[in-house]
């Protein structure tokens, strides 16, 4: 992995942000998330997923593509380690829209250890563009982002609940994780499920999403959705326009088999 080329691609200001501290971490997260889209095109196309760092570097930097959690957080963790950060790779259990929970390990996340512990996750699809401090419920630190309010709190069992505010009084857990470090072999079975199993959301649906300075842009097989703080606009996705849309909004030049047919 060529660190200088990686930083040039992400437009990282390595002269200003060159310390192992929260300011540098937040700068790296923001530049990564504003540059690299969360997407599952390879899963949709039946292309094998590789988590080899050189393969990920080639896909993201040279091909101007993105990926999902196993890919994006693996590459970002490698970069942070090169910059001197102390971190752990951890497994997550995702809260589905129907209020069910995924299997543990269906999500890979990152905890960075600084003055306190922080979630530094660039591979989930709906998170703020900065690190989220992990706190107790009686000392909550809320992160305000263009796309909403977020927090990470621990319960009595030290389970971490990464949450997003859904209204003035209620928070919804997006996923839960723990401080237990996980090595890559733990995720092999879960990657295989998310890549191949018909029950996997990544197999069932095209998902491309990316934060923007104005909000977020997301695309499925049917619609492109542009969300701002006060508005949401949808555009129908078709065989004729999808390549133009993914190039314009995500910088991706790719063929998506499901939309070709």
Protein backbone atom coordinates (compact mmCIF):
# COMPACT_ATOMS: atom_id res chain seq x y z
CA UNK A 1 0.00 0.00 0.00
CA UNK A 2 1.47 3.29 -1.14
CA UNK A 3 0.62 5.68 1.72
CA UNK A 4 1.51 8.85 -0.22
CA UNK A 5 -0.61 7.81 -3.19
CA UNK A 6 -3.46 6.90 -0.85
CA UNK A 7 -3.32 10.30 0.85
CA UNK A 8 -3.13 12.08 -2.51
CA UNK A 9 -6.18 10.19 -3.74
CA UNK A 10 -8.18 11.08 -0.60
CA UNK A 11 -6.85 14.67 -0.61
CA UNK A 12 -5.52 14.23 2.91
CA UNK A 13 -3.52 17.18 4.25
CA UNK A 14 -0.70 15.08 5.69
CA UNK A 15 1.43 18.10 6.62
CA UNK A 16 -1.23 19.58 8.90
CA UNK A 17 -2.78 16.35 10.15
CA UNK A 18 0.19 14.19 11.04
CA UNK A 19 -0.28 13.44 14.74
CA UNK A 20 -1.81 10.44 16.47
CA UNK A 21 -4.72 12.48 17.81
CA UNK A 22 -8.44 13.06 17.35
CA UNK A 23 -8.04 15.98 14.93
CA UNK A 24 -6.00 13.88 12.53
CA UNK A 25 -8.31 10.88 12.93
CA UNK A 26 -11.37 12.99 12.11
CA UNK A 27 -9.64 14.49 9.07
CA UNK A 28 -8.78 11.01 7.77
CA UNK A 29 -12.33 9.74 8.34
CA UNK A 30 -13.89 12.75 6.61
CA UNK A 31 -11.62 12.55 3.58
CA UNK A 32 -12.19 8.79 3.22
CA UNK A 33 -15.97 8.98 3.52
CA UNK A 34 -16.27 11.97 1.16
CA UNK A 35 -14.16 10.14 -1.44
CA UNK A 36 -15.00 6.43 -1.21
CA UNK A 37 -18.61 5.30 -1.67
CA UNK A 38 -20.19 2.48 0.28
CA UNK A 39 -21.27 0.04 -2.44
CA UNK A 40 -21.89 -3.64 -3.17
CA UNK A 41 -21.57 -3.71 -6.96
CA UNK A 42 -19.16 -6.65 -6.91
CA UNK A 43 -21.58 -8.70 -4.82
CA UNK A 44 -24.39 -7.85 -7.24
CA UNK A 45 -22.19 -8.77 -10.20
CA UNK A 46 -20.94 -12.02 -8.66
CA UNK A 47 -17.33 -10.80 -8.50
CA UNK A 48 -15.40 -12.34 -5.58
CA UNK A 49 -14.62 -10.00 -2.68
CA UNK A 50 -10.97 -9.73 -1.68
CA UNK A 51 -9.76 -8.20 1.60
CA UNK A 52 -6.11 -8.34 0.57
CA UNK A 53 -4.79 -4.82 1.18
CA UNK A 54 -3.12 -4.57 -2.23
CA UNK A 55 -6.34 -5.68 -3.95
CA UNK A 56 -8.35 -3.16 -1.94
CA UNK A 57 -5.89 -0.39 -2.74
CA UNK A 58 -6.15 -1.20 -6.44
CA UNK A 59 -9.95 -1.32 -6.34
CA UNK A 60 -10.43 1.91 -4.40
CA UNK A 61 -7.51 4.08 -5.54
CA UNK A 62 -6.87 2.89 -9.09
CA UNK A 63 -10.38 1.84 -10.09
CA UNK A 64 -12.14 4.62 -8.13
CA UNK A 65 -14.53 2.16 -6.55
CA UNK A 66 -15.82 1.60 -3.03
CA UNK A 67 -16.93 -1.44 -1.10
CA UNK A 68 -18.73 -2.57 2.02
CA UNK A 69 -17.57 -2.89 5.61
CA UNK A 70 -15.09 -5.74 5.29
CA UNK A 71 -13.30 -3.95 2.45
CA UNK A 72 -13.45 -0.32 3.53
CA UNK A 73 -12.67 -0.79 7.21
CA UNK A 74 -9.88 -3.26 6.43
CA UNK A 75 -8.13 -0.73 4.18
CA UNK A 76 -8.74 2.16 6.56
CA UNK A 77 -7.48 0.17 9.54
CA UNK A 78 -4.31 -0.61 7.62
CA UNK A 79 -3.82 3.09 6.90
CA UNK A 80 -4.39 4.10 10.53
CA UNK A 81 -1.86 1.51 11.73
CA UNK A 82 0.68 2.93 9.27
CA UNK A 83 0.03 6.37 10.79
CA UNK A 84 0.70 5.03 14.29
CA UNK A 85 -2.82 4.63 15.68
CA UNK A 86 -3.67 1.89 18.18
CA UNK A 87 -6.93 0.21 17.18
CA UNK A 88 -8.98 -2.95 17.35
CA UNK A 89 -11.08 -4.57 14.67
CA UNK A 90 -14.44 -5.54 16.19
CA UNK A 91 -17.57 -7.35 15.03
CA UNK A 92 -21.02 -5.82 14.86
CA UNK A 93 -24.63 -7.01 14.96
CA UNK A 94 -26.84 -4.87 12.72
CA UNK A 95 -30.34 -3.74 13.64
CA UNK A 96 -32.52 -4.44 10.61
CA UNK A 97 -35.43 -2.19 9.52
CA UNK A 98 -37.94 -4.86 10.65
CA UNK A 99 -36.44 -4.72 14.19
CA UNK A 100 -34.67 -8.07 13.84
CA UNK A 101 -30.92 -8.43 14.39
CA UNK A 102 -28.31 -9.79 12.02
CA UNK A 103 -25.77 -12.39 13.03
CA UNK A 104 -22.76 -11.17 14.99
CA UNK A 105 -19.96 -10.54 12.53
CA UNK A 106 -22.26 -9.36 9.76
CA UNK A 107 -20.59 -6.00 10.27
CA UNK A 108 -16.91 -5.15 10.80
CA UNK A 109 -16.11 -1.97 12.70
CA UNK A 110 -13.10 -0.18 14.20
CA UNK A 111 -12.37 1.07 17.72
CA UNK A 112 -9.48 3.53 17.99
CA UNK A 113 -7.85 4.07 21.39
CA UNK A 114 -6.81 7.67 22.10
CA UNK A 115 -7.61 9.74 25.21
CA UNK A 116 -10.75 7.60 25.20
CA UNK A 117 -12.17 4.92 22.92
CA UNK A 118 -13.77 5.96 19.64
CA UNK A 119 -15.80 4.25 16.92
CA UNK A 120 -13.96 5.06 13.68
CA UNK A 121 -16.17 3.27 11.16
CA UNK A 122 -15.95 4.23 7.47
CA UNK A 123 -17.90 1.21 6.19
CA UNK A 124 -21.46 1.25 7.47
CA UNK A 125 -23.43 3.52 5.16
CA UNK A 126 -25.07 5.92 7.64
CA UNK A 127 -22.59 7.34 10.11
CA UNK A 128 -21.10 10.78 10.78
CA UNK A 129 -17.87 11.81 9.07
CA UNK A 130 -15.95 11.85 12.34
CA UNK A 131 -15.11 9.50 15.18
CA UNK A 132 -17.78 8.80 17.80
CA UNK A 133 -16.58 8.67 21.43
CA UNK A 134 -17.76 5.63 23.37
CA UNK A 135 -19.36 6.81 26.62
CA UNK A 136 -21.52 5.67 29.51
CA UNK A 137 -25.23 6.59 29.41
CA UNK A 138 -24.69 9.18 32.18
CA UNK A 139 -21.95 10.98 30.23
CA UNK A 140 -23.15 10.93 26.64
CA UNK A 141 -21.23 12.73 23.90
CA UNK A 142 -23.44 13.36 20.87
CA UNK A 143 -21.96 13.90 17.42
CA UNK A 144 -23.92 16.30 15.22
CA UNK A 145 -23.52 15.67 11.50
CA UNK A 146 -25.31 16.94 8.41
CA UNK A 147 -27.19 13.62 8.31
CA UNK A 148 -28.30 13.66 11.95
CA UNK A 149 -27.24 13.10 15.56
CA UNK A 150 -25.23 10.05 16.62
CA UNK A 151 -23.84 8.55 19.81
CA UNK A 152 -22.11 5.39 21.05
CA UNK A 153 -23.04 4.27 24.57
CA UNK A 154 -22.23 1.20 26.62
CA UNK A 155 -24.69 -0.81 28.70
CA UNK A 156 -24.12 -2.74 31.92
CA UNK A 157 -22.51 -5.61 29.96
CA UNK A 158 -20.10 -3.24 28.15
CA UNK A 159 -21.95 -3.80 24.89
CA UNK A 160 -21.60 -0.71 22.72
CA UNK A 161 -24.75 0.60 21.08
CA UNK A 162 -24.10 2.87 18.10
CA UNK A 163 -27.25 4.94 17.82
CA UNK A 164 -28.88 7.57 15.65
CA UNK A 165 -31.55 9.96 16.89
CA UNK A 166 -34.90 9.37 15.20
CA UNK A 167 -36.86 12.15 16.95
CA UNK A 168 -36.42 14.49 19.91
CA UNK A 169 -36.95 11.78 22.49
CA UNK A 170 -35.88 8.52 20.84
CA UNK A 171 -32.68 6.92 19.64
CA UNK A 172 -32.39 3.78 17.51
CA UNK A 173 -29.44 1.41 17.70
CA UNK A 174 -27.93 1.01 14.22
CA UNK A 175 -25.63 -1.76 15.37
CA UNK A 176 -24.14 -3.08 18.56
CA UNK A 177 -20.59 -4.23 19.15
CA UNK A 178 -18.17 -5.03 21.95
CA UNK A 179 -14.58 -4.24 22.87
CA UNK A 180 -13.48 -7.79 21.98
CA UNK A 181 -10.82 -7.65 19.23
CA UNK A 182 -11.47 -9.90 16.23
CA UNK A 183 -8.93 -11.23 13.76
CA UNK A 184 -9.83 -11.72 10.12
CA UNK A 185 -10.63 -15.48 10.34
CA UNK A 186 -13.61 -14.61 12.56
CA UNK A 187 -15.26 -12.78 9.64
CA UNK A 188 -14.68 -15.32 6.85
CA UNK A 189 -18.00 -17.13 7.35
CA UNK A 190 -19.89 -13.83 7.65
CA UNK A 191 -18.34 -12.38 4.51
CA UNK A 192 -19.33 -15.54 2.65
CA UNK A 193 -22.91 -15.14 3.90
CA UNK A 194 -23.13 -11.48 2.90
CA UNK A 195 -21.54 -12.20 -0.45
CA UNK A 196 -23.51 -15.29 -1.48
CA UNK A 197 -26.54 -16.11 0.67
CA UNK A 198 -29.91 -15.23 -0.94
CA UNK A 199 -31.05 -13.92 2.47
CA UNK A 200 -28.26 -11.33 2.56
CA UNK A 201 -29.39 -7.75 1.94
CA UNK A 202 -26.27 -7.26 -0.19
CA UNK A 203 -27.30 -10.13 -2.45
CA UNK A 204 -30.92 -9.01 -2.60
CA UNK A 205 -30.39 -5.30 -3.29
CA UNK A 206 -28.01 -2.86 -4.93
CA UNK A 207 -26.76 -0.41 -2.29
CA UNK A 208 -24.62 2.63 -3.10
CA UNK A 209 -24.46 5.54 -0.66
CA UNK A 210 -22.15 8.40 0.18
CA UNK A 211 -22.21 11.41 2.50
CA UNK A 212 -22.05 14.84 0.90
CA UNK A 213 -21.55 18.30 2.37
CA UNK A 214 -25.29 18.88 1.87
CA UNK A 215 -26.48 15.49 3.20
CA UNK A 216 -26.37 12.08 1.53
CA UNK A 217 -26.94 10.49 -1.87
CA UNK A 218 -28.02 6.86 -2.15
CA UNK A 219 -28.95 4.53 -4.99
CA UNK A 220 -30.82 1.25 -5.27
CA UNK A 221 -31.95 -0.75 -8.29
CA UNK A 222 -35.01 1.49 -8.54
CA UNK A 223 -34.16 5.00 -7.35
CA UNK A 224 -31.44 7.53 -6.74
CA UNK A 225 -32.24 9.51 -3.57
CA UNK A 226 -30.64 12.85 -2.72
CA UNK A 227 -31.26 13.82 0.91
CA UNK A 228 -30.56 17.25 2.39
CA UNK A 229 -31.39 18.58 5.83
CA UNK A 230 -34.80 19.81 4.69
CA UNK A 231 -35.58 17.86 1.53
CA UNK A 232 -35.50 14.47 -0.16
CA UNK A 233 -35.64 14.04 -3.93
CA UNK A 234 -35.90 10.79 -5.87
CA UNK A 235 -35.01 9.97 -9.47
CA UNK A 236 -35.92 6.71 -11.19
CA UNK A 237 -32.97 4.48 -12.10
CA UNK A 238 -33.10 2.81 -15.51
CA UNK A 239 -30.90 0.84 -17.88
CA UNK A 240 -30.36 4.03 -19.85
CA UNK A 241 -29.35 6.41 -17.04
CA UNK A 242 -27.69 4.38 -14.29
CA UNK A 243 -24.11 4.72 -15.56
CA UNK A 244 -24.45 8.47 -15.81
CA UNK A 245 -25.90 8.61 -12.28
CA UNK A 246 -23.18 6.53 -10.61
CA UNK A 247 -20.48 8.52 -12.39
CA UNK A 248 -21.97 11.88 -11.46
CA UNK A 249 -22.80 11.17 -7.82
CA UNK A 250 -20.25 8.53 -6.80
CA UNK A 251 -17.40 8.80 -9.29
CA UNK A 252 -17.92 5.16 -10.30
CA UNK A 253 -17.45 3.85 -13.82
CA UNK A 254 -18.86 0.33 -13.75
CA UNK A 255 -21.39 -2.00 -15.31
CA UNK A 256 -24.11 -3.40 -13.03
CA UNK A 257 -25.46 -6.64 -14.45
CA UNK A 258 -28.92 -6.38 -12.88
CA UNK A 259 -29.46 -2.96 -14.48
CA UNK A 260 -28.15 -4.12 -17.85
CA UNK A 261 -30.90 -6.70 -18.10
